[in-house]
Amino acid sequence: MDIAKRCEQNPLLAPKDLKAGINGMEITCLLNPGVFKYQGKIWLLLRVAETVSYTHLRAHETDSYLVCRLLLEKKKKKNKNTDM
């Protein structure tokens, strides 16, 4: 149950609403937002958690890294099945 009563003109921000500061990164989380007024302007400050985007990693993947990644995924699946 959501006990917060939000004003419709005050929407929640989501990671998809912001652009990462560095190419190849994506925002995964917004933290500690704060709004203040300074010199007649309204400012929004927030921290973000960024990670390298999966698409960016795949775009720079070489054949040897691809083989290594596929072998690791196969090993993970095998270990997961034996743990059950």
C-alpha atoms as a PDB file:
ATOM      1  CA  MET A   1       0.000   0.000   0.000  1.00  0.00           C
ATOM      2  CA  ASP A   2       1.389   3.398  -0.997  1.00  0.00           C
ATOM      3  CA  ILE A   3       0.667   5.890   1.787  1.00  0.00           C
ATOM      4  CA  ALA A   4       2.319   8.814  -0.018  1.00  0.00           C
ATOM      5  CA  LYS A   5      -0.068  11.256  -1.656  1.00  0.00           C
ATOM      6  CA  ARG A   6       1.769  12.607  -4.696  1.00  0.00           C
ATOM      7  CA  CYS A   7       0.713  15.689  -6.590  1.00  0.00           C
ATOM      8  CA  GLU A   8       0.132  14.840 -10.260  1.00  0.00           C
ATOM      9  CA  GLN A   9       2.436  17.727 -11.281  1.00  0.00           C
ATOM     10  CA  ASN A  10       5.221  16.184  -9.141  1.00  0.00           C
ATOM     11  CA  PRO A  11       6.149  12.942 -10.949  1.00  0.00           C
ATOM     12  CA  LEU A  12       8.737  10.443  -9.798  1.00  0.00           C
ATOM     13  CA  LEU A  13      12.012  10.375 -11.715  1.00  0.00           C
ATOM     14  CA  ALA A  14      13.217   7.072 -13.136  1.00  0.00           C
ATOM     15  CA  PRO A  15      16.627   6.092 -14.575  1.00  0.00           C
ATOM     16  CA  LYS A  16      15.127   6.162 -18.084  1.00  0.00           C
ATOM     17  CA  ASP A  17      14.356   9.879 -17.637  1.00  0.00           C
ATOM     18  CA  LEU A  18      18.045  10.843 -17.454  1.00  0.00           C
ATOM     19  CA  LYS A  19      21.011  10.546 -19.800  1.00  0.00           C
ATOM     20  CA  ALA A  20      24.254   9.059 -18.496  1.00  0.00           C
ATOM     21  CA  GLY A  21      27.199  11.429 -18.272  1.00  0.00           C
ATOM     22  CA  ILE A  22      29.576   9.136 -20.192  1.00  0.00           C
ATOM     23  CA  ASN A  23      28.994   7.277 -23.473  1.00  0.00           C
ATOM     24  CA  GLY A  24      28.590   3.546 -22.942  1.00  0.00           C
ATOM     25  CA  MET A  25      27.178   3.953 -19.444  1.00  0.00           C
ATOM     26  CA  GLU A  26      23.590   3.643 -18.283  1.00  0.00           C
ATOM     27  CA  ILE A  27      21.901   4.921 -15.151  1.00  0.00           C
ATOM     28  CA  THR A  28      20.580   2.101 -12.996  1.00  0.00           C
ATOM     29  CA  CYS A  29      19.410   3.992  -9.905  1.00  0.00           C
ATOM     30  CA  LEU A  30      18.611   7.518  -8.667  1.00  0.00           C
ATOM     31  CA  LEU A  31      19.558   8.399  -5.088  1.00  0.00           C
ATOM     32  CA  ASN A  32      19.002  11.230  -2.593  1.00  0.00           C
ATOM     33  CA  PRO A  33      17.179  13.774  -4.768  1.00  0.00           C
ATOM     34  CA  GLY A  34      16.911  17.294  -3.437  1.00  0.00           C
ATOM     35  CA  VAL A  35      15.346  20.489  -4.780  1.00  0.00           C
ATOM     36  CA  PHE A  36      16.327  24.016  -3.784  1.00  0.00           C
ATOM     37  CA  LYS A  37      15.939  27.573  -4.981  1.00  0.00           C
ATOM     38  CA  TYR A  38      19.060  29.672  -5.583  1.00  0.00           C
ATOM     39  CA  GLN A  39      19.320  33.068  -7.283  1.00  0.00           C
ATOM     40  CA  GLY A  40      15.747  32.854  -8.531  1.00  0.00           C
ATOM     41  CA  LYS A  41      16.199  29.429 -10.173  1.00  0.00           C
ATOM     42  CA  ILE A  42      14.962  26.029  -9.014  1.00  0.00           C
ATOM     43  CA  TRP A  43      17.689  23.370  -8.961  1.00  0.00           C
ATOM     44  CA  LEU A  44      17.507  19.589  -8.694  1.00  0.00           C
ATOM     45  CA  LEU A  45      20.440  17.644  -7.282  1.00  0.00           C
ATOM     46  CA  LEU A  46      20.620  13.881  -7.218  1.00  0.00           C
ATOM     47  CA  ARG A  47      23.141  11.092  -7.180  1.00  0.00           C
ATOM     48  CA  VAL A  48      23.016   8.333  -9.748  1.00  0.00           C
ATOM     49  CA  ALA A  49      24.417   4.829  -9.918  1.00  0.00           C
ATOM     50  CA  GLU A  50      25.809   4.087 -13.369  1.00  0.00           C
ATOM     51  CA  THR A  51      27.072   0.891 -14.933  1.00  0.00           C
ATOM     52  CA  VAL A  52      28.532  -0.010 -18.304  1.00  0.00           C
ATOM     53  CA  SER A  53      25.646  -0.803 -20.628  1.00  0.00           C
ATOM     54  CA  TYR A  54      25.350  -4.382 -21.849  1.00  0.00           C
ATOM     55  CA  THR A  55      24.953  -3.110 -25.429  1.00  0.00           C
ATOM     56  CA  HIS A  56      28.222  -1.168 -25.136  1.00  0.00           C
ATOM     57  CA  LEU A  57      30.070  -4.212 -23.821  1.00  0.00           C
ATOM     58  CA  ARG A  58      28.767  -6.447 -26.594  1.00  0.00           C
ATOM     59  CA  ALA A  59      29.718  -3.893 -29.260  1.00  0.00           C
ATOM     60  CA  HIS A  60      33.377  -4.108 -28.156  1.00  0.00           C
ATOM     61  CA  GLU A  61      33.490  -7.870 -27.669  1.00  0.00           C
ATOM     62  CA  THR A  62      36.232  -9.681 -29.606  1.00  0.00           C
ATOM     63  CA  ASP A  63      36.003 -13.300 -30.763  1.00  0.00           C
ATOM     64  CA  SER A  64      38.274 -14.543 -27.959  1.00  0.00           C
ATOM     65  CA  TYR A  65      36.225 -12.720 -25.303  1.00  0.00           C
ATOM     66  CA  LEU A  66      33.026 -14.108 -26.812  1.00  0.00           C
ATOM     67  CA  VAL A  67      34.317 -17.686 -26.552  1.00  0.00           C
ATOM     68  CA  CYS A  68      35.443 -17.065 -22.965  1.00  0.00           C
ATOM     69  CA  ARG A  69      32.077 -15.545 -22.003  1.00  0.00           C
ATOM     70  CA  LEU A  70      30.138 -18.425 -23.561  1.00  0.00           C
ATOM     71  CA  LEU A  71      32.282 -20.984 -21.721  1.00  0.00           C
ATOM     72  CA  LEU A  72      31.706 -19.153 -18.413  1.00  0.00           C
ATOM     73  CA  GLU A  73      27.943 -19.063 -19.023  1.00  0.00           C
ATOM     74  CA  LYS A  74      27.963 -22.783 -19.810  1.00  0.00           C
ATOM     75  CA  LYS A  75      29.905 -23.463 -16.578  1.00  0.00           C
ATOM     76  CA  LYS A  76      27.439 -21.365 -14.552  1.00  0.00           C
ATOM     77  CA  LYS A  77      24.478 -23.296 -15.989  1.00  0.00           C
ATOM     78  CA  LYS A  78      26.176 -26.615 -15.226  1.00  0.00           C
ATOM     79  CA  ASN A  79      26.920 -25.566 -11.619  1.00  0.00           C
ATOM     80  CA  LYS A  80      23.379 -24.284 -11.166  1.00  0.00           C
ATOM     81  CA  ASN A  81      21.933 -27.649 -12.294  1.00  0.00           C
ATOM     82  CA  THR A  82      24.189 -29.658  -9.971  1.00  0.00           C
ATOM     83  CA  ASP A  83      23.354 -27.455  -6.958  1.00  0.00           C
ATOM     84  CA  MET A  84      19.663 -28.377  -7.143  1.00  0.00           C
END
